[in-house]
């Protein structure tokens, strides 16, 4: 839910920032770019909290994994505070400096300005909620169990409690030779397909981008920047997926490696989806602003624009395919079963 809310929040910051009276000022653009970037902290915190289920095994909590998740939530909360403070300072300073400017009498503290300030301040609130929820969920066990040591009653002590040691985590599960071959082949083929698609997308988008009409400079730069970030995520996802073959060998699956692959591809998908949304929205707005003109004429996109918009959506789709393929190929430790002999 928070991951979807982060995408909605980022889109609202950009769209409202373009409709404010200070939209002409470069610092206004900088404010909503930084504010939209702060929403990444909410997205990563939400993805990190979603992975908490992987730290639960047979009624026990993985203390090391819980500590890593709490550190991630603290880091994302701090990052959201810093970026949101910078965005609010830049935006508020822009409005204050332009109030009373005879060249722009429309600039004043309107409802839209206060709404934009609330949107820019929302990421620290959301990441703070995620942090406190995660801290409560990840701290439900007695200290003796968290430290991995049993409490032994003292000699002559009455009413002392002994906590059993948790079982050692299962790292390897046995899988059939056919399944080993299937997983390795699927990872190799899908990784190669993603690499090929990324290599083909780069020149295609560049060549078709030259056929587009003139773009609004700031929005055009923003759109191409996020499109480049999305393409990078495709190559990263392909590399991670091809490297995941090492987790399946000798008819055994490395659960720790599989879990790392799933988490990595989840983060990559979130980043790719975020970049896809902003590259597509930025290009659409960059085409609309010069096309509409001051007279408010109807916006007409050329055929090349629709093709480029479709290609800019591709990185989010490709990284999503990689993530869901990894979920199917590599089970989580909570759902893995031990059908045969184990190793290690």
Protein backbone atom coordinates (compact mmCIF):
# COMPACT_ATOMS: atom_id res chain seq x y z
CA UNK A 1 0.00 0.00 0.00
CA UNK A 2 2.80 2.44 0.89
CA UNK A 3 4.64 1.58 -2.34
CA UNK A 4 1.59 2.58 -4.39
CA UNK A 5 1.11 5.66 -2.22
CA UNK A 6 4.70 6.73 -2.92
CA UNK A 7 4.13 6.63 -6.69
CA UNK A 8 0.88 8.59 -6.33
CA UNK A 9 2.60 11.13 -4.07
CA UNK A 10 5.50 11.66 -6.49
CA UNK A 11 3.10 12.16 -9.40
CA UNK A 12 1.03 14.65 -7.38
CA UNK A 13 4.16 16.65 -6.46
CA UNK A 14 5.20 16.96 -10.10
CA UNK A 15 1.75 17.74 -11.51
CA UNK A 16 0.91 20.31 -8.84
CA UNK A 17 4.35 21.90 -9.11
CA UNK A 18 3.80 22.51 -12.82
CA UNK A 19 0.50 24.30 -12.19
CA UNK A 20 1.67 26.68 -9.47
CA UNK A 21 2.23 30.39 -10.15
CA UNK A 22 5.96 29.86 -9.55
CA UNK A 23 6.26 27.19 -12.25
CA UNK A 24 8.37 29.58 -14.36
CA UNK A 25 11.12 29.76 -11.73
CA UNK A 26 13.99 27.23 -11.99
CA UNK A 27 14.11 26.81 -8.20
CA UNK A 28 10.49 25.65 -8.30
CA UNK A 29 11.51 22.92 -10.72
CA UNK A 30 14.42 22.01 -8.47
CA UNK A 31 12.08 21.84 -5.46
CA UNK A 32 9.68 19.33 -6.95
CA UNK A 33 12.50 17.26 -8.46
CA UNK A 34 14.13 16.95 -5.01
CA UNK A 35 10.72 16.36 -3.43
CA UNK A 36 9.91 13.61 -5.90
CA UNK A 37 13.32 12.06 -5.25
CA UNK A 38 12.57 12.01 -1.51
CA UNK A 39 9.59 9.78 -2.29
CA UNK A 40 12.12 7.07 -3.22
CA UNK A 41 12.79 6.73 0.51
CA UNK A 42 9.14 5.82 1.08
CA UNK A 43 9.27 3.30 -1.76
CA UNK A 44 12.42 1.59 -0.49
CA UNK A 45 11.17 1.56 3.11
CA UNK A 46 7.91 -0.03 1.98
CA UNK A 47 9.76 -2.67 -0.04
CA UNK A 48 12.06 -3.39 2.90
CA UNK A 49 9.13 -3.83 5.27
CA UNK A 50 7.41 -6.13 2.77
CA UNK A 51 10.42 -8.46 2.93
CA UNK A 52 10.01 -8.97 6.69
CA UNK A 53 8.04 -12.15 6.03
CA UNK A 54 11.23 -13.82 4.81
CA UNK A 55 12.75 -13.42 8.32
CA UNK A 56 10.08 -15.61 9.93
CA UNK A 57 10.82 -19.35 10.04
CA UNK A 58 8.82 -21.85 12.03
CA UNK A 59 7.75 -19.42 14.73
CA UNK A 60 11.21 -17.81 15.04
CA UNK A 61 12.44 -14.42 13.93
CA UNK A 62 15.77 -14.06 12.13
CA UNK A 63 17.43 -11.47 14.41
CA UNK A 64 20.14 -10.53 11.90
CA UNK A 65 17.62 -9.95 9.13
CA UNK A 66 15.40 -7.94 11.49
CA UNK A 67 18.34 -5.70 12.42
CA UNK A 68 19.14 -5.10 8.74
CA UNK A 69 15.53 -4.16 8.04
CA UNK A 70 15.44 -1.74 10.97
CA UNK A 71 18.69 -0.11 9.80
CA UNK A 72 17.17 0.27 6.33
CA UNK A 73 14.06 1.93 7.78
CA UNK A 74 16.17 4.32 9.86
CA UNK A 75 18.30 5.23 6.84
CA UNK A 76 15.29 5.84 4.62
CA UNK A 77 13.64 7.97 7.30
CA UNK A 78 16.77 10.11 7.63
CA UNK A 79 17.08 10.45 3.84
CA UNK A 80 13.44 11.49 3.56
CA UNK A 81 13.91 14.16 6.24
CA UNK A 82 16.98 15.61 4.50
CA UNK A 83 15.54 15.66 0.97
CA UNK A 84 12.13 16.93 2.07
CA UNK A 85 13.71 19.71 4.11
CA UNK A 86 15.75 20.81 1.10
CA UNK A 87 12.69 20.71 -1.16
CA UNK A 88 10.52 22.68 1.28
CA UNK A 89 13.27 25.25 1.82
CA UNK A 90 13.80 25.75 -1.94
CA UNK A 91 10.08 25.98 -2.67
CA UNK A 92 9.24 28.27 0.24
CA UNK A 93 12.22 30.51 -0.54
CA UNK A 94 11.06 30.79 -4.15
CA UNK A 95 7.56 31.84 -3.16
CA UNK A 96 8.76 34.35 -0.56
CA UNK A 97 11.27 35.94 -2.95
CA UNK A 98 8.67 36.33 -5.72
CA UNK A 99 5.77 37.69 -3.66
CA UNK A 100 5.32 41.33 -4.57
CA UNK A 101 7.31 41.03 -7.80
CA UNK A 102 5.59 43.39 -10.29
CA UNK A 103 6.53 41.09 -13.16
CA UNK A 104 4.65 38.20 -11.54
CA UNK A 105 1.77 39.61 -9.49
CA UNK A 106 0.03 36.22 -9.51
CA UNK A 107 2.62 34.75 -7.10
CA UNK A 108 1.20 34.63 -3.55
CA UNK A 109 0.44 32.10 -0.83
CA UNK A 110 -2.51 30.28 -2.33
CA UNK A 111 -4.17 26.99 -1.43
CA UNK A 112 -2.05 25.28 -4.08
CA UNK A 113 1.16 26.58 -2.49
CA UNK A 114 0.19 25.25 0.93
CA UNK A 115 -0.89 21.95 -0.62
CA UNK A 116 2.49 21.62 -2.34
CA UNK A 117 4.26 22.25 0.97
CA UNK A 118 2.19 19.49 2.58
CA UNK A 119 3.04 17.10 -0.24
CA UNK A 120 6.76 17.90 0.03
CA UNK A 121 6.62 17.28 3.79
CA UNK A 122 4.73 13.99 3.47
CA UNK A 123 7.69 11.58 2.79
CA UNK A 124 9.24 11.96 6.30
CA UNK A 125 5.83 11.33 7.84
CA UNK A 126 5.26 8.16 5.80
CA UNK A 127 8.77 6.78 6.39
CA UNK A 128 8.40 7.59 10.09
CA UNK A 129 5.20 5.56 10.23
CA UNK A 130 6.94 2.67 8.47
CA UNK A 131 9.87 2.88 10.89
CA UNK A 132 7.76 2.72 14.05
CA UNK A 133 5.54 -0.02 12.61
CA UNK A 134 8.63 -2.02 11.60
CA UNK A 135 10.28 -1.53 14.99
CA UNK A 136 7.18 -2.84 16.74
CA UNK A 137 6.84 -5.83 14.43
CA UNK A 138 10.52 -6.76 14.51
CA UNK A 139 10.93 -6.69 18.30
CA UNK A 140 8.41 -9.27 19.56
CA UNK A 141 10.76 -11.79 21.22
CA UNK A 142 12.48 -11.95 24.63
CA UNK A 143 16.07 -10.60 24.82
CA UNK A 144 17.50 -14.06 25.54
CA UNK A 145 16.16 -15.44 22.29
CA UNK A 146 17.25 -12.33 20.35
CA UNK A 147 20.81 -12.78 21.55
CA UNK A 148 20.82 -16.43 20.51
CA UNK A 149 21.55 -17.74 24.04
CA UNK A 150 19.34 -19.76 26.37
CA UNK A 151 18.59 -18.42 29.82
CA UNK A 152 19.57 -21.00 32.44
CA UNK A 153 18.08 -20.67 35.91
CA UNK A 154 20.60 -19.81 38.61
CA UNK A 155 21.33 -22.34 41.33
CA UNK A 156 18.54 -22.17 43.82
CA UNK A 157 16.70 -19.58 41.72
CA UNK A 158 12.94 -19.86 41.70
CA UNK A 159 10.63 -18.95 38.86
CA UNK A 160 13.43 -18.56 36.30
CA UNK A 161 12.46 -19.14 32.67
CA UNK A 162 14.49 -21.07 30.14
CA UNK A 163 14.11 -20.11 26.48
CA UNK A 164 14.93 -22.81 23.93
CA UNK A 165 17.52 -22.03 21.33
CA UNK A 166 16.08 -21.50 17.85
CA UNK A 167 16.93 -24.16 15.27
CA UNK A 168 19.80 -23.42 12.93
CA UNK A 169 18.49 -21.84 9.74
CA UNK A 170 18.12 -24.16 6.79
CA UNK A 171 20.35 -22.98 3.97
CA UNK A 172 20.14 -25.67 1.29
CA UNK A 173 17.18 -27.64 0.00
CA UNK A 174 17.33 -30.57 -2.33
CA UNK A 175 15.76 -30.25 -5.78
CA UNK A 176 15.65 -32.68 -8.67
CA UNK A 177 18.18 -32.65 -11.46
CA UNK A 178 15.45 -31.70 -13.92
CA UNK A 179 14.45 -28.73 -11.76
CA UNK A 180 18.11 -27.66 -11.44
CA UNK A 181 18.48 -27.69 -15.21
CA UNK A 182 15.20 -25.81 -15.65
CA UNK A 183 16.13 -23.03 -13.22
CA UNK A 184 19.62 -22.54 -14.64
CA UNK A 185 18.32 -22.51 -18.20
CA UNK A 186 15.49 -20.07 -17.37
CA UNK A 187 17.85 -17.66 -15.60
CA UNK A 188 20.32 -17.74 -18.47
CA UNK A 189 17.74 -17.29 -21.21
CA UNK A 190 15.74 -14.58 -19.47
CA UNK A 191 18.88 -12.70 -18.46
CA UNK A 192 20.16 -12.82 -22.05
CA UNK A 193 16.77 -11.67 -23.34
CA UNK A 194 16.80 -8.69 -20.96
CA UNK A 195 20.33 -7.75 -22.02
CA UNK A 196 19.33 -7.96 -25.70
CA UNK A 197 16.21 -5.88 -25.11
CA UNK A 198 18.23 -3.23 -23.26
CA UNK A 199 20.83 -3.06 -26.03
CA UNK A 200 18.09 -2.65 -28.66
CA UNK A 201 16.13 -0.08 -26.64
CA UNK A 202 19.00 2.39 -26.33
CA UNK A 203 19.55 3.20 -30.04
CA UNK A 204 15.82 2.90 -30.80
CA UNK A 205 14.83 5.52 -28.22
CA UNK A 206 17.69 7.82 -29.26
CA UNK A 207 16.85 7.62 -32.98
CA UNK A 208 13.13 8.14 -32.44
CA UNK A 209 13.81 10.92 -29.93
CA UNK A 210 15.43 12.95 -32.71
CA UNK A 211 12.12 12.87 -34.59
CA UNK A 212 10.17 14.45 -31.73
CA UNK A 213 9.07 18.10 -31.84
CA UNK A 214 10.87 20.61 -29.59
CA UNK A 215 10.39 19.78 -25.91
CA UNK A 216 10.05 22.03 -22.90
CA UNK A 217 13.73 22.15 -21.78
CA UNK A 218 13.44 21.33 -18.07
CA UNK A 219 10.85 18.61 -18.54
CA UNK A 220 12.66 17.15 -21.52
CA UNK A 221 15.88 16.87 -19.52
CA UNK A 222 13.98 15.28 -16.62
CA UNK A 223 12.27 12.77 -18.90
CA UNK A 224 15.47 11.64 -20.62
CA UNK A 225 17.28 11.41 -17.27
CA UNK A 226 14.68 9.06 -15.81
CA UNK A 227 14.54 7.09 -19.06
CA UNK A 228 18.30 6.51 -18.81
CA UNK A 229 17.95 5.41 -15.18
CA UNK A 230 15.21 2.96 -16.20
CA UNK A 231 17.38 1.46 -18.94
CA UNK A 232 20.23 1.02 -16.46
CA UNK A 233 17.86 -0.95 -14.21
CA UNK A 234 17.16 -3.34 -17.10
CA UNK A 235 20.87 -4.14 -17.44
CA UNK A 236 21.25 -4.51 -13.67
CA UNK A 237 18.25 -6.88 -13.51
CA UNK A 238 19.67 -8.95 -16.36
CA UNK A 239 23.03 -9.23 -14.61
CA UNK A 240 21.45 -10.23 -11.30
CA UNK A 241 19.23 -12.83 -12.97
CA UNK A 242 22.09 -14.41 -14.93
CA UNK A 243 24.25 -14.51 -11.80
CA UNK A 244 21.47 -16.29 -9.89
CA UNK A 245 22.36 -19.54 -11.65
CA UNK A 246 25.15 -20.09 -9.12
CA UNK A 247 22.52 -20.58 -6.40
CA UNK A 248 21.41 -23.83 -8.05
CA UNK A 249 24.00 -26.57 -8.39
CA UNK A 250 24.49 -30.23 -7.55
CA UNK A 251 20.71 -30.67 -7.12
CA UNK A 252 20.60 -28.17 -4.25
CA UNK A 253 19.16 -24.66 -3.95
CA UNK A 254 20.93 -22.04 -1.83
CA UNK A 255 18.04 -20.39 0.00
CA UNK A 256 20.12 -17.45 1.24
CA UNK A 257 21.30 -16.64 -2.27
CA UNK A 258 17.80 -17.07 -3.68
CA UNK A 259 16.39 -14.69 -1.07
CA UNK A 260 19.05 -12.09 -1.91
CA UNK A 261 18.17 -12.37 -5.59
CA UNK A 262 14.47 -11.90 -4.91
CA UNK A 263 15.07 -8.84 -2.74
CA UNK A 264 17.50 -7.30 -5.22
CA UNK A 265 15.12 -7.72 -8.13
CA UNK A 266 12.29 -6.30 -6.02
CA UNK A 267 14.27 -3.12 -5.37
CA UNK A 268 15.33 -2.95 -9.03
CA UNK A 269 11.71 -3.31 -10.12
CA UNK A 270 10.64 -0.53 -7.76
CA UNK A 271 13.35 1.77 -9.08
CA UNK A 272 12.55 0.84 -12.69
CA UNK A 273 8.84 1.44 -12.17
CA UNK A 274 9.52 4.79 -10.50
CA UNK A 275 11.78 5.86 -13.38
CA UNK A 276 9.27 4.65 -15.97
CA UNK A 277 6.44 6.71 -14.49
CA UNK A 278 8.48 9.90 -14.36
CA UNK A 279 10.04 9.48 -17.79
CA UNK A 280 6.63 8.93 -19.41
CA UNK A 281 4.86 11.70 -17.50
CA UNK A 282 7.76 14.09 -18.09
CA UNK A 283 7.78 13.44 -21.83
CA UNK A 284 4.00 13.85 -22.11
CA UNK A 285 4.14 17.18 -20.27
CA UNK A 286 7.19 18.33 -22.23
CA UNK A 287 5.28 17.69 -25.46
CA UNK A 288 2.06 19.26 -24.19
CA UNK A 289 3.42 22.58 -22.92
CA UNK A 290 4.85 23.88 -26.22
CA UNK A 291 2.10 22.21 -28.22
CA UNK A 292 -0.73 23.78 -26.24
CA UNK A 293 0.70 27.29 -26.36
CA UNK A 294 -0.82 30.30 -24.71
CA UNK A 295 -3.99 29.97 -26.76
CA UNK A 296 -4.72 26.54 -25.26
CA UNK A 297 -4.85 24.69 -28.57
CA UNK A 298 -5.52 20.96 -28.56
CA UNK A 299 -2.44 18.83 -27.98
CA UNK A 300 -1.55 16.57 -30.91
CA UNK A 301 1.19 14.02 -30.45
CA UNK A 302 3.05 12.80 -33.55
CA UNK A 303 3.33 9.07 -34.21
CA UNK A 304 6.97 9.05 -33.04
CA UNK A 305 5.88 10.45 -29.67
CA UNK A 306 3.51 7.55 -29.05
CA UNK A 307 6.23 5.06 -29.96
CA UNK A 308 8.75 6.74 -27.64
CA UNK A 309 6.20 6.85 -24.81
CA UNK A 310 5.57 3.13 -25.28
CA UNK A 311 9.30 2.40 -25.22
CA UNK A 312 9.75 4.44 -22.03
CA UNK A 313 7.28 2.16 -20.29
CA UNK A 314 9.32 -0.89 -21.28
CA UNK A 315 11.99 -0.74 -18.50
CA UNK A 316 9.34 -0.97 -15.78
CA UNK A 317 7.73 -3.93 -17.55
CA UNK A 318 11.04 -5.75 -18.12
CA UNK A 319 12.24 -5.37 -14.53
CA UNK A 320 8.81 -6.54 -13.36
CA UNK A 321 9.12 -9.66 -15.51
CA UNK A 322 12.53 -10.35 -13.96
CA UNK A 323 11.16 -9.95 -10.43
CA UNK A 324 8.14 -12.23 -10.87
CA UNK A 325 10.25 -14.80 -12.74
CA UNK A 326 12.63 -14.89 -9.77
CA UNK A 327 9.68 -15.35 -7.39
CA UNK A 328 8.59 -18.38 -9.40
CA UNK A 329 12.05 -19.88 -9.82
CA UNK A 330 13.37 -19.28 -6.29
CA UNK A 331 11.01 -20.03 -3.37
CA UNK A 332 11.32 -18.09 -0.13
CA UNK A 333 12.68 -19.93 2.93
CA UNK A 334 9.21 -19.86 4.51
CA UNK A 335 7.69 -21.83 1.62
CA UNK A 336 10.62 -24.09 0.74
CA UNK A 337 10.27 -27.75 1.69
CA UNK A 338 12.91 -30.36 2.26
CA UNK A 339 11.86 -33.26 -0.02
CA UNK A 340 15.16 -35.03 0.14
CA UNK A 341 18.67 -35.04 1.62
CA UNK A 342 20.25 -31.72 2.45
CA UNK A 343 23.79 -30.48 2.31
CA UNK A 344 25.64 -27.93 4.40
